[in-house]
Amino acid sequence: ALRFTAVSSVIVTVLVGLLARPLCWLYGVATTGTVIAALRIFALCYIFYSVGYVLMVIHQVIGNQSKAIAIAVMQPLMVIPVFALSLHYTLHTTHYVWWAFPIAELISLIIIIILSRNELRQIYTTATCD
């Protein structure tokens, strides 16, 4: 599931990156360079969020509800401090503010992987022994 999610989210990210202008047109958004750049930057979130989401589901399935809840709450809340820092350090330029979203998702994913190291070790040890 992790491998499939990672590969499919990379494919979606690449497609959104390549098709940013037609997607903006499809939804009736002005196809300015800033909007297209923001969409491409925001598409990077798919990779980090989807892998983190699968890890949350794994915790829920194996009965570790406390870690699943912690992951579910942490992922959206991580954007707030990263967004605040990006506003502070980028002098309020909107182009760089969009980078707060993939950075926050990457930080969340790193924390999730650290929290999930024992479970991941069990999954991959069992998968390689079969």
N, C-alpha and C. Protein backbone atom coordinates (compact mmCIF):
# COMPACT_ATOMS: atom_id res chain seq x y z
N ALA A 1 0.83 -1.19 0.00
CA ALA A 1 0.00 0.00 0.00
C ALA A 1 0.87 1.26 0.00
N LEU A 2 1.95 1.22 0.78
CA LEU A 2 2.82 2.39 0.81
C LEU A 2 3.47 2.65 -0.54
N ARG A 3 3.95 1.60 -1.16
CA ARG A 3 4.61 1.74 -2.46
C ARG A 3 3.62 2.24 -3.52
N PHE A 4 2.43 1.65 -3.54
CA PHE A 4 1.41 2.07 -4.50
C PHE A 4 1.03 3.54 -4.29
N THR A 5 0.83 3.92 -3.04
CA THR A 5 0.46 5.30 -2.72
C THR A 5 1.56 6.27 -3.12
N ALA A 6 2.80 5.92 -2.83
CA ALA A 6 3.92 6.81 -3.18
C ALA A 6 4.01 6.98 -4.69
N VAL A 7 3.93 5.87 -5.43
CA VAL A 7 4.05 5.94 -6.89
C VAL A 7 2.87 6.71 -7.49
N SER A 8 1.66 6.41 -7.05
CA SER A 8 0.49 7.09 -7.62
C SER A 8 0.48 8.57 -7.28
N SER A 9 0.93 8.95 -6.09
CA SER A 9 0.96 10.37 -5.75
C SER A 9 2.04 11.11 -6.53
N VAL A 10 3.14 10.45 -6.84
CA VAL A 10 4.17 11.06 -7.70
C VAL A 10 3.60 11.28 -9.10
N ILE A 11 2.87 10.30 -9.61
CA ILE A 11 2.26 10.43 -10.94
C ILE A 11 1.26 11.59 -10.96
N VAL A 12 0.42 11.69 -9.93
CA VAL A 12 -0.55 12.79 -9.87
C VAL A 12 0.16 14.13 -9.77
N THR A 13 1.23 14.20 -8.98
CA THR A 13 1.99 15.45 -8.85
C THR A 13 2.59 15.86 -10.19
N VAL A 14 3.14 14.91 -10.91
CA VAL A 14 3.72 15.21 -12.23
C VAL A 14 2.62 15.66 -13.20
N LEU A 15 1.48 14.98 -13.18
CA LEU A 15 0.38 15.37 -14.06
C LEU A 15 -0.14 16.77 -13.75
N VAL A 16 -0.29 17.08 -12.48
CA VAL A 16 -0.75 18.43 -12.11
C VAL A 16 0.30 19.46 -12.52
N GLY A 17 1.57 19.11 -12.35
CA GLY A 17 2.62 20.02 -12.77
C GLY A 17 2.61 20.29 -14.26
N LEU A 18 2.38 19.24 -15.03
CA LEU A 18 2.36 19.40 -16.48
C LEU A 18 1.07 20.03 -17.00
N LEU A 19 -0.02 19.73 -16.33
CA LEU A 19 -1.33 20.20 -16.79
C LEU A 19 -1.89 21.33 -15.94
N ALA A 20 -1.02 22.12 -15.33
CA ALA A 20 -1.48 23.20 -14.43
C ALA A 20 -2.34 24.22 -15.17
N ARG A 21 -1.92 24.62 -16.35
CA ARG A 21 -2.67 25.63 -17.10
C ARG A 21 -4.06 25.11 -17.50
N PRO A 22 -4.17 23.90 -18.10
CA PRO A 22 -5.52 23.40 -18.42
C PRO A 22 -6.40 23.19 -17.18
N LEU A 23 -5.80 22.80 -16.05
CA LEU A 23 -6.59 22.63 -14.83
C LEU A 23 -7.13 23.97 -14.35
N CYS A 24 -6.31 25.00 -14.42
CA CYS A 24 -6.80 26.34 -14.05
C CYS A 24 -7.94 26.76 -14.95
N TRP A 25 -7.79 26.53 -16.24
CA TRP A 25 -8.84 26.89 -17.20
C TRP A 25 -10.11 26.10 -16.92
N LEU A 26 -9.97 24.80 -16.63
CA LEU A 26 -11.12 23.94 -16.37
C LEU A 26 -11.94 24.44 -15.18
N TYR A 27 -11.27 24.93 -14.16
CA TYR A 27 -11.97 25.42 -12.97
C TYR A 27 -12.27 26.91 -13.02
N GLY A 28 -11.98 27.55 -14.15
CA GLY A 28 -12.31 28.95 -14.31
C GLY A 28 -11.41 29.91 -13.55
N VAL A 29 -10.20 29.47 -13.24
CA VAL A 29 -9.25 30.32 -12.52
C VAL A 29 -8.35 31.00 -13.55
N ALA A 30 -8.01 32.24 -13.29
CA ALA A 30 -7.13 32.97 -14.20
C ALA A 30 -5.79 32.24 -14.32
N THR A 31 -5.33 32.08 -15.52
CA THR A 31 -4.10 31.32 -15.75
C THR A 31 -2.88 32.24 -15.74
N THR A 32 -2.72 32.95 -14.64
CA THR A 32 -1.53 33.79 -14.50
C THR A 32 -0.37 32.92 -14.04
N GLY A 33 0.82 33.44 -14.20
CA GLY A 33 2.01 32.68 -13.80
C GLY A 33 2.04 32.38 -12.31
N THR A 34 1.53 33.30 -11.50
CA THR A 34 1.53 33.10 -10.05
C THR A 34 0.60 31.96 -9.65
N VAL A 35 -0.57 31.90 -10.26
CA VAL A 35 -1.53 30.85 -9.93
C VAL A 35 -0.99 29.49 -10.36
N ILE A 36 -0.42 29.42 -11.53
CA ILE A 36 0.12 28.15 -12.03
C ILE A 36 1.29 27.71 -11.17
N ALA A 37 2.16 28.63 -10.79
CA ALA A 37 3.29 28.28 -9.92
C ALA A 37 2.80 27.80 -8.56
N ALA A 38 1.78 28.46 -8.02
CA ALA A 38 1.23 28.05 -6.73
C ALA A 38 0.61 26.66 -6.81
N LEU A 39 -0.09 26.37 -7.90
CA LEU A 39 -0.69 25.05 -8.08
C LEU A 39 0.38 23.97 -8.16
N ARG A 40 1.46 24.25 -8.88
CA ARG A 40 2.54 23.27 -8.99
C ARG A 40 3.23 23.04 -7.65
N ILE A 41 3.43 24.10 -6.90
CA ILE A 41 4.05 23.96 -5.57
C ILE A 41 3.12 23.19 -4.65
N PHE A 42 1.83 23.54 -4.69
CA PHE A 42 0.86 22.87 -3.83
C PHE A 42 0.72 21.39 -4.19
N ALA A 43 0.94 21.04 -5.45
CA ALA A 43 0.84 19.64 -5.88
C ALA A 43 1.89 18.77 -5.21
N LEU A 44 2.99 19.35 -4.79
CA LEU A 44 4.01 18.58 -4.08
C LEU A 44 3.49 18.01 -2.76
N CYS A 45 2.46 18.63 -2.22
CA CYS A 45 1.87 18.15 -0.97
C CYS A 45 1.28 16.75 -1.11
N TYR A 46 0.82 16.40 -2.31
CA TYR A 46 0.19 15.10 -2.52
C TYR A 46 1.09 13.96 -2.08
N ILE A 47 2.33 14.05 -2.44
CA ILE A 47 3.27 12.97 -2.14
C ILE A 47 3.39 12.77 -0.64
N PHE A 48 3.68 13.85 0.08
CA PHE A 48 3.91 13.74 1.52
C PHE A 48 2.64 13.41 2.28
N TYR A 49 1.54 14.05 1.90
CA TYR A 49 0.29 13.84 2.61
C TYR A 49 -0.23 12.42 2.42
N SER A 50 -0.17 11.91 1.20
CA SER A 50 -0.75 10.59 0.94
C SER A 50 0.02 9.49 1.65
N VAL A 51 1.33 9.58 1.70
CA VAL A 51 2.12 8.58 2.42
C VAL A 51 1.83 8.68 3.92
N GLY A 52 1.73 9.89 4.44
CA GLY A 52 1.38 10.07 5.85
C GLY A 52 -0.01 9.54 6.16
N TYR A 53 -0.93 9.72 5.24
CA TYR A 53 -2.29 9.22 5.43
C TYR A 53 -2.30 7.70 5.48
N VAL A 54 -1.57 7.05 4.60
CA VAL A 54 -1.51 5.58 4.61
C VAL A 54 -0.91 5.10 5.93
N LEU A 55 0.11 5.78 6.42
CA LEU A 55 0.69 5.38 7.71
C LEU A 55 -0.33 5.57 8.84
N MET A 56 -1.15 6.60 8.76
CA MET A 56 -2.20 6.79 9.75
C MET A 56 -3.20 5.63 9.69
N VAL A 57 -3.58 5.22 8.50
CA VAL A 57 -4.51 4.10 8.34
C VAL A 57 -3.89 2.81 8.87
N ILE A 58 -2.60 2.62 8.62
CA ILE A 58 -1.92 1.42 9.13
C ILE A 58 -2.01 1.39 10.65
N HIS A 59 -1.77 2.52 11.30
CA HIS A 59 -1.88 2.56 12.76
C HIS A 59 -3.30 2.26 13.21
N GLN A 60 -4.27 2.74 12.49
CA GLN A 60 -5.65 2.50 12.86
C GLN A 60 -6.00 1.02 12.69
N VAL A 61 -5.52 0.41 11.62
CA VAL A 61 -5.83 -0.99 11.35
C VAL A 61 -5.19 -1.91 12.38
N ILE A 62 -3.96 -1.61 12.80
CA ILE A 62 -3.28 -2.48 13.76
C ILE A 62 -3.71 -2.21 15.20
N GLY A 63 -4.65 -1.27 15.38
CA GLY A 63 -5.21 -1.04 16.70
C GLY A 63 -4.49 0.02 17.51
N ASN A 64 -3.66 0.81 16.88
CA ASN A 64 -2.93 1.85 17.58
C ASN A 64 -3.63 3.19 17.35
N GLN A 65 -4.82 3.31 17.96
CA GLN A 65 -5.65 4.49 17.71
C GLN A 65 -5.01 5.78 18.19
N SER A 66 -4.22 5.73 19.27
CA SER A 66 -3.63 6.96 19.78
C SER A 66 -2.66 7.58 18.77
N LYS A 67 -1.84 6.77 18.12
CA LYS A 67 -0.94 7.30 17.09
C LYS A 67 -1.73 7.75 15.86
N ALA A 68 -2.78 7.04 15.51
CA ALA A 68 -3.60 7.42 14.36
C ALA A 68 -4.25 8.78 14.60
N ILE A 69 -4.76 8.99 15.81
CA ILE A 69 -5.37 10.28 16.14
C ILE A 69 -4.32 11.38 16.16
N ALA A 70 -3.15 11.09 16.73
CA ALA A 70 -2.08 12.08 16.77
C ALA A 70 -1.67 12.50 15.36
N ILE A 71 -1.58 11.54 14.45
CA ILE A 71 -1.22 11.85 13.06
C ILE A 71 -2.32 12.66 12.40
N ALA A 72 -3.57 12.27 12.62
CA ALA A 72 -4.70 12.97 12.00
C ALA A 72 -4.79 14.42 12.46
N VAL A 73 -4.45 14.67 13.70
CA VAL A 73 -4.51 16.04 14.23
C VAL A 73 -3.26 16.83 13.83
N MET A 74 -2.11 16.17 13.83
CA MET A 74 -0.85 16.87 13.56
C MET A 74 -0.74 17.35 12.12
N GLN A 75 -1.18 16.56 11.17
CA GLN A 75 -0.98 16.91 9.76
C GLN A 75 -1.56 18.28 9.40
N PRO A 76 -2.81 18.57 9.67
CA PRO A 76 -3.31 19.91 9.30
C PRO A 76 -2.77 21.03 10.19
N LEU A 77 -2.47 20.72 11.44
CA LEU A 77 -1.99 21.76 12.35
C LEU A 77 -0.54 22.17 12.07
N MET A 78 0.23 21.32 11.42
CA MET A 78 1.63 21.62 11.15
C MET A 78 1.77 22.80 10.18
N VAL A 79 0.76 23.03 9.38
CA VAL A 79 0.82 24.12 8.40
C VAL A 79 0.88 25.48 9.10
N ILE A 80 0.23 25.60 10.24
CA ILE A 80 0.11 26.91 10.90
C ILE A 80 1.48 27.49 11.29
N PRO A 81 2.34 26.77 12.03
CA PRO A 81 3.62 27.40 12.37
C PRO A 81 4.53 27.59 11.16
N VAL A 82 4.50 26.66 10.23
CA VAL A 82 5.35 26.81 9.04
C VAL A 82 4.86 28.00 8.20
N PHE A 83 3.56 28.16 8.09
CA PHE A 83 2.99 29.29 7.35
C PHE A 83 3.37 30.60 8.03
N ALA A 84 3.27 30.64 9.36
CA ALA A 84 3.63 31.86 10.09
C ALA A 84 5.11 32.20 9.91
N LEU A 85 5.97 31.19 9.98
CA LEU A 85 7.40 31.43 9.76
C LEU A 85 7.68 31.89 8.35
N SER A 86 7.00 31.29 7.38
CA SER A 86 7.24 31.69 6.00
C SER A 86 6.79 33.12 5.75
N LEU A 87 5.70 33.53 6.39
CA LEU A 87 5.26 34.92 6.25
C LEU A 87 6.27 35.88 6.88
N HIS A 88 6.80 35.46 8.00
CA HIS A 88 7.76 36.31 8.71
C HIS A 88 9.07 36.46 7.93
N TYR A 89 9.57 35.37 7.38
CA TYR A 89 10.88 35.40 6.76
C TYR A 89 10.88 35.73 5.27
N THR A 90 9.74 35.69 4.61
CA THR A 90 9.72 36.00 3.18
C THR A 90 9.20 37.40 2.89
N LEU A 91 9.08 38.19 3.92
CA LEU A 91 8.66 39.59 3.77
C LEU A 91 7.31 39.71 3.05
N HIS A 92 6.43 38.79 3.37
CA HIS A 92 5.04 38.83 2.90
C HIS A 92 4.90 38.73 1.38
N THR A 93 5.81 38.07 0.72
CA THR A 93 5.64 37.84 -0.71
C THR A 93 4.84 36.57 -0.89
N THR A 94 3.77 36.66 -1.63
CA THR A 94 2.84 35.54 -1.72
C THR A 94 3.42 34.35 -2.46
N HIS A 95 4.35 34.56 -3.37
CA HIS A 95 4.91 33.45 -4.13
C HIS A 95 5.61 32.44 -3.22
N TYR A 96 6.35 32.91 -2.25
CA TYR A 96 7.09 32.01 -1.37
C TYR A 96 6.23 31.42 -0.27
N VAL A 97 5.10 32.04 0.03
CA VAL A 97 4.21 31.53 1.06
C VAL A 97 3.67 30.15 0.70
N TRP A 98 3.48 29.90 -0.59
CA TRP A 98 2.96 28.60 -1.02
C TRP A 98 3.88 27.47 -0.64
N TRP A 99 5.17 27.74 -0.50
CA TRP A 99 6.11 26.69 -0.11
C TRP A 99 5.86 26.20 1.31
N ALA A 100 5.11 26.93 2.11
CA ALA A 100 4.81 26.50 3.48
C ALA A 100 4.03 25.19 3.49
N PHE A 101 3.18 24.98 2.51
CA PHE A 101 2.36 23.78 2.49
C PHE A 101 3.19 22.51 2.26
N PRO A 102 3.99 22.40 1.21
CA PRO A 102 4.79 21.18 1.07
C PRO A 102 5.84 21.01 2.17
N ILE A 103 6.38 22.13 2.67
CA ILE A 103 7.35 22.03 3.77
C ILE A 103 6.67 21.48 5.02
N ALA A 104 5.47 21.97 5.32
CA ALA A 104 4.73 21.47 6.48
C ALA A 104 4.39 19.99 6.32
N GLU A 105 4.00 19.59 5.12
CA GLU A 105 3.68 18.18 4.88
C GLU A 105 4.93 17.31 4.99
N LEU A 106 6.06 17.81 4.53
CA LEU A 106 7.32 17.05 4.66
C LEU A 106 7.71 16.91 6.12
N ILE A 107 7.60 17.96 6.90
CA ILE A 107 7.89 17.88 8.33
C ILE A 107 6.95 16.90 9.01
N SER A 108 5.67 16.96 8.66
CA SER A 108 4.69 16.01 9.22
C SER A 108 5.07 14.58 8.88
N LEU A 109 5.45 14.35 7.62
CA LEU A 109 5.81 13.00 7.21
C LEU A 109 7.04 12.50 7.96
N ILE A 110 8.01 13.35 8.17
CA ILE A 110 9.20 12.95 8.92
C ILE A 110 8.83 12.57 10.35
N ILE A 111 7.96 13.37 10.98
CA ILE A 111 7.51 13.05 12.34
C ILE A 111 6.72 11.75 12.35
N ILE A 112 5.87 11.54 11.36
CA ILE A 112 5.07 10.32 11.27
C ILE A 112 5.98 9.10 11.11
N ILE A 113 7.00 9.22 10.27
CA ILE A 113 7.93 8.10 10.08
C ILE A 113 8.67 7.80 11.37
N ILE A 114 9.07 8.84 12.10
CA ILE A 114 9.74 8.62 13.38
C ILE A 114 8.79 7.93 14.36
N LEU A 115 7.53 8.38 14.41
CA LEU A 115 6.55 7.74 15.29
C LEU A 115 6.24 6.31 14.85
N SER A 116 6.39 6.02 13.57
CA SER A 116 6.00 4.72 13.01
C SER A 116 7.17 3.77 12.80
N ARG A 117 8.34 4.10 13.27
CA ARG A 117 9.51 3.28 12.95
C ARG A 117 9.36 1.82 13.38
N ASN A 118 8.78 1.57 14.54
CA ASN A 118 8.61 0.17 14.98
C ASN A 118 7.62 -0.58 14.09
N GLU A 119 6.53 0.07 13.76
CA GLU A 119 5.53 -0.56 12.90
C GLU A 119 6.08 -0.79 11.50
N LEU A 120 6.81 0.19 10.97
CA LEU A 120 7.41 0.03 9.64
C LEU A 120 8.44 -1.10 9.64
N ARG A 121 9.21 -1.19 10.69
CA ARG A 121 10.18 -2.27 10.80
C ARG A 121 9.49 -3.63 10.80
N GLN A 122 8.37 -3.74 11.53
CA GLN A 122 7.61 -4.99 11.55
C GLN A 122 7.03 -5.31 10.18
N ILE A 123 6.49 -4.32 9.51
CA ILE A 123 5.87 -4.55 8.20
C ILE A 123 6.91 -5.02 7.21
N TYR A 124 8.04 -4.32 7.14
CA TYR A 124 9.04 -4.67 6.13
C TYR A 124 9.82 -5.92 6.49
N THR A 125 9.97 -6.23 7.77
CA THR A 125 10.62 -7.49 8.16
C THR A 125 9.71 -8.66 7.83
N THR A 126 8.42 -8.53 8.08
CA THR A 126 7.47 -9.59 7.75
C THR A 126 7.37 -9.75 6.24
N ALA A 127 7.35 -8.66 5.50
CA ALA A 127 7.22 -8.73 4.05
C ALA A 127 8.43 -9.38 3.39
N THR A 128 9.62 -9.17 3.93
CA THR A 128 10.82 -9.74 3.32
C THR A 128 11.02 -11.18 3.72
N CYS A 129 10.41 -11.61 4.84
CA CYS A 129 10.57 -13.01 5.26
C CYS A 129 9.59 -13.93 4.56
N ASP A 130 8.51 -13.41 4.03
CA ASP A 130 7.49 -14.26 3.38
C ASP A 130 7.93 -14.71 2.02
